[in-house]
């Protein structure tokens, strides 16, 4: 959500800058609404009372490495993750 938020802000700035050349009113309005939605999602993901990530993986080397990377990224984003489901055991 954070990257999407940054992309939308950048694109909105560009569209706003050139708004007189072309009619972007509907597009800008839709993008602002999307930005609000993304912020809501991010806030929910960061609220440990409302959500927690539960990972699902399989017991294979590549999958375990990818899962470790994902969990490390979630930790830097401060998204709660205390449980892991391992399929095919």
C-alpha atoms as a PDB file:
ATOM      1  CA  UNK A   1       0.000   0.000   0.000  1.00  0.00           C
ATOM      2  CA  UNK A   2       2.813   2.439   0.716  1.00  0.00           C
ATOM      3  CA  UNK A   3       4.298   2.120  -2.785  1.00  0.00           C
ATOM      4  CA  UNK A   4       0.864   2.446  -4.384  1.00  0.00           C
ATOM      5  CA  UNK A   5       0.235   5.542  -2.283  1.00  0.00           C
ATOM      6  CA  UNK A   6       3.509   7.084  -3.460  1.00  0.00           C
ATOM      7  CA  UNK A   7       2.739   6.270  -7.129  1.00  0.00           C
ATOM      8  CA  UNK A   8      -0.726   7.762  -6.883  1.00  0.00           C
ATOM      9  CA  UNK A   9       0.575  10.940  -5.259  1.00  0.00           C
ATOM     10  CA  UNK A  10       3.207  11.361  -7.968  1.00  0.00           C
ATOM     11  CA  UNK A  11       0.712  10.737 -10.748  1.00  0.00           C
ATOM     12  CA  UNK A  12      -1.792  13.109  -9.162  1.00  0.00           C
ATOM     13  CA  UNK A  13       0.834  15.859  -9.040  1.00  0.00           C
ATOM     14  CA  UNK A  14       1.577  15.353 -12.737  1.00  0.00           C
ATOM     15  CA  UNK A  15      -2.099  15.310 -13.706  1.00  0.00           C
ATOM     16  CA  UNK A  16      -2.795  18.374 -11.589  1.00  0.00           C
ATOM     17  CA  UNK A  17       0.071  20.218 -13.241  1.00  0.00           C
ATOM     18  CA  UNK A  18      -1.338  19.561 -16.734  1.00  0.00           C
ATOM     19  CA  UNK A  19      -5.038  19.777 -15.850  1.00  0.00           C
ATOM     20  CA  UNK A  20      -5.535  22.871 -18.019  1.00  0.00           C
ATOM     21  CA  UNK A  21      -4.280  21.128 -21.132  1.00  0.00           C
ATOM     22  CA  UNK A  22      -6.568  18.142 -20.810  1.00  0.00           C
ATOM     23  CA  UNK A  23      -9.706  17.280 -18.872  1.00  0.00           C
ATOM     24  CA  UNK A  24      -8.570  14.999 -16.053  1.00  0.00           C
ATOM     25  CA  UNK A  25     -11.285  15.883 -13.522  1.00  0.00           C
ATOM     26  CA  UNK A  26     -12.912  12.442 -13.400  1.00  0.00           C
ATOM     27  CA  UNK A  27      -9.581  10.641 -13.385  1.00  0.00           C
ATOM     28  CA  UNK A  28      -8.185  12.851 -10.616  1.00  0.00           C
ATOM     29  CA  UNK A  29     -11.318  12.323  -8.520  1.00  0.00           C
ATOM     30  CA  UNK A  30     -11.118   8.550  -8.986  1.00  0.00           C
ATOM     31  CA  UNK A  31      -7.419   8.520  -8.087  1.00  0.00           C
ATOM     32  CA  UNK A  32      -8.026  10.546  -4.934  1.00  0.00           C
ATOM     33  CA  UNK A  33     -10.678   8.034  -3.883  1.00  0.00           C
ATOM     34  CA  UNK A  34      -8.236   5.191  -4.588  1.00  0.00           C
ATOM     35  CA  UNK A  35      -5.580   6.916  -2.506  1.00  0.00           C
ATOM     36  CA  UNK A  36      -8.021   7.131   0.404  1.00  0.00           C
ATOM     37  CA  UNK A  37      -8.823   3.426   0.011  1.00  0.00           C
ATOM     38  CA  UNK A  38      -5.145   2.528   0.026  1.00  0.00           C
ATOM     39  CA  UNK A  39      -4.607   4.573   3.186  1.00  0.00           C
ATOM     40  CA  UNK A  40      -7.519   2.762   4.847  1.00  0.00           C
ATOM     41  CA  UNK A  41      -6.028  -0.607   3.899  1.00  0.00           C
ATOM     42  CA  UNK A  42      -2.606   0.395   5.195  1.00  0.00           C
ATOM     43  CA  UNK A  43      -4.092   1.610   8.475  1.00  0.00           C
ATOM     44  CA  UNK A  44      -5.982  -1.661   8.920  1.00  0.00           C
ATOM     45  CA  UNK A  45      -2.859  -3.711   8.178  1.00  0.00           C
ATOM     46  CA  UNK A  46      -0.873  -1.720  10.719  1.00  0.00           C
ATOM     47  CA  UNK A  47      -3.523  -2.048  13.436  1.00  0.00           C
ATOM     48  CA  UNK A  48      -2.719  -5.255  15.342  1.00  0.00           C
ATOM     49  CA  UNK A  49      -6.211  -5.192  16.879  1.00  0.00           C
ATOM     50  CA  UNK A  50      -7.791  -5.500  13.420  1.00  0.00           C
ATOM     51  CA  UNK A  51      -5.472  -7.684  11.391  1.00  0.00           C
ATOM     52  CA  UNK A  52      -2.545 -10.050  11.353  1.00  0.00           C
ATOM     53  CA  UNK A  53      -0.767 -11.755   8.487  1.00  0.00           C
ATOM     54  CA  UNK A  54      -0.858 -15.557   8.583  1.00  0.00           C
ATOM     55  CA  UNK A  55       1.631 -17.003   6.128  1.00  0.00           C
ATOM     56  CA  UNK A  56       1.088 -20.220   4.218  1.00  0.00           C
ATOM     57  CA  UNK A  57       4.055 -22.081   2.776  1.00  0.00           C
ATOM     58  CA  UNK A  58       5.255 -25.506   1.730  1.00  0.00           C
ATOM     59  CA  UNK A  59       8.296 -27.346   3.134  1.00  0.00           C
ATOM     60  CA  UNK A  60      10.645 -26.721   0.189  1.00  0.00           C
ATOM     61  CA  UNK A  61      13.857 -24.708   0.249  1.00  0.00           C
ATOM     62  CA  UNK A  62      12.791 -21.973  -2.185  1.00  0.00           C
ATOM     63  CA  UNK A  63       9.439 -21.514  -0.490  1.00  0.00           C
ATOM     64  CA  UNK A  64      11.045 -21.282   2.946  1.00  0.00           C
ATOM     65  CA  UNK A  65      13.527 -18.643   1.701  1.00  0.00           C
ATOM     66  CA  UNK A  66      10.729 -16.607   0.104  1.00  0.00           C
ATOM     67  CA  UNK A  67       8.684 -16.883   3.296  1.00  0.00           C
ATOM     68  CA  UNK A  68      11.627 -15.691   5.391  1.00  0.00           C
ATOM     69  CA  UNK A  69      12.039 -12.690   3.075  1.00  0.00           C
ATOM     70  CA  UNK A  70       8.324 -11.933   3.302  1.00  0.00           C
ATOM     71  CA  UNK A  71       8.293 -12.145   7.090  1.00  0.00           C
ATOM     72  CA  UNK A  72      11.325  -9.845   7.314  1.00  0.00           C
ATOM     73  CA  UNK A  73       9.584  -7.317   5.056  1.00  0.00           C
ATOM     74  CA  UNK A  74       6.381  -7.520   7.092  1.00  0.00           C
ATOM     75  CA  UNK A  75       8.417  -6.835  10.225  1.00  0.00           C
ATOM     76  CA  UNK A  76       9.953  -3.694   8.695  1.00  0.00           C
ATOM     77  CA  UNK A  77       6.438  -2.571   7.716  1.00  0.00           C
ATOM     78  CA  UNK A  78       5.274  -3.270  11.300  1.00  0.00           C
ATOM     79  CA  UNK A  79       2.598  -5.711  10.142  1.00  0.00           C
ATOM     80  CA  UNK A  80       1.845  -8.361  12.768  1.00  0.00           C
ATOM     81  CA  UNK A  81       2.603 -11.991  11.884  1.00  0.00           C
ATOM     82  CA  UNK A  82       2.777 -14.636  14.607  1.00  0.00           C
ATOM     83  CA  UNK A  83       1.493 -17.747  12.818  1.00  0.00           C
ATOM     84  CA  UNK A  84       2.568 -19.841   9.859  1.00  0.00           C
ATOM     85  CA  UNK A  85       0.715 -22.666   8.120  1.00  0.00           C
ATOM     86  CA  UNK A  86       2.905 -25.261   6.433  1.00  0.00           C
ATOM     87  CA  UNK A  87       1.062 -27.305   3.807  1.00  0.00           C
ATOM     88  CA  UNK A  88       1.960 -30.768   2.523  1.00  0.00           C
ATOM     89  CA  UNK A  89       3.322 -32.139   5.804  1.00  0.00           C
END
